[in-house]
Protein backbone atom coordinates (compact mmCIF):
# COMPACT_ATOMS: atom_id res chain seq x y z
CA MET A 1 20.22 35.08 -29.84
CA GLN A 2 21.79 36.43 -26.89
CA PRO A 3 18.49 36.65 -25.04
CA LYS A 4 17.27 33.04 -25.52
CA LEU A 5 21.28 32.16 -23.99
CA SER A 6 20.62 34.83 -21.12
CA GLN A 7 17.36 32.91 -20.29
CA GLY A 8 18.88 29.42 -20.68
CA THR A 9 21.60 30.33 -18.60
CA ILE A 10 19.00 31.42 -15.81
CA PHE A 11 16.79 28.81 -16.04
CA SER A 12 19.56 26.42 -15.69
CA LYS A 13 20.62 28.62 -12.75
CA ASN A 14 16.86 28.03 -11.31
CA ILE A 15 17.26 24.70 -11.68
CA LEU A 16 20.31 24.33 -9.42
CA SER A 17 18.82 26.43 -6.99
CA VAL A 18 15.43 24.57 -6.12
CA ARG A 19 18.14 21.73 -6.71
CA SER A 20 19.72 22.74 -3.81
CA TRP A 21 16.98 23.64 -1.94
CA LEU A 22 15.30 20.48 -2.57
CA GLU A 23 18.26 18.63 -1.24
CA LYS A 24 18.32 21.32 1.50
CA ALA A 25 14.63 20.32 2.60
CA LEU A 26 15.63 16.76 2.63
CA ASN A 27 18.23 17.28 4.91
CA VAL A 28 15.95 19.04 7.45
CA ARG A 29 13.30 16.23 7.05
CA THR A 30 16.03 13.49 7.81
CA TYR A 31 17.66 16.10 11.10
CA VAL A 32 14.06 16.60 12.04
CA GLU A 33 13.08 12.99 12.03
CA HIS A 34 16.60 11.94 13.77
CA SER A 35 16.02 14.36 16.64
CA THR A 36 12.66 12.84 17.18
CA ALA A 37 13.88 9.43 16.97
CA THR A 38 16.06 10.06 19.75
CA VAL A 39 13.52 12.34 21.62
CA THR A 40 11.39 9.12 21.38
CA ASN A 41 14.58 7.12 22.34
CA CYS A 42 14.62 9.19 25.59
CA LYS A 43 11.27 9.45 26.62
CA GLY A 44 11.19 5.17 26.30
CA THR A 45 14.16 5.06 28.04
CA ALA A 46 12.97 7.35 31.03
CA THR A 47 9.76 5.38 31.39
CA THR A 48 11.56 2.48 31.39
CA SER A 49 13.91 3.69 34.04
CA VAL A 50 10.52 4.92 35.97
CA TYR A 51 8.88 1.54 35.47
CA VAL A 52 12.03 -0.72 36.71
CA VAL A 53 12.07 2.01 39.40
């Protein structure tokens, strides 16, 4: 019974770590998308200002 219990706790800890890793990956993805959007916006305004000038 004891080994099964420890395996269960290790299993739940692994699930928690995988879940936190997925959340971090999603955060990184949204951050990258946001920064990419900001860069494209800057490029767009830069080209627009150059075009206007």
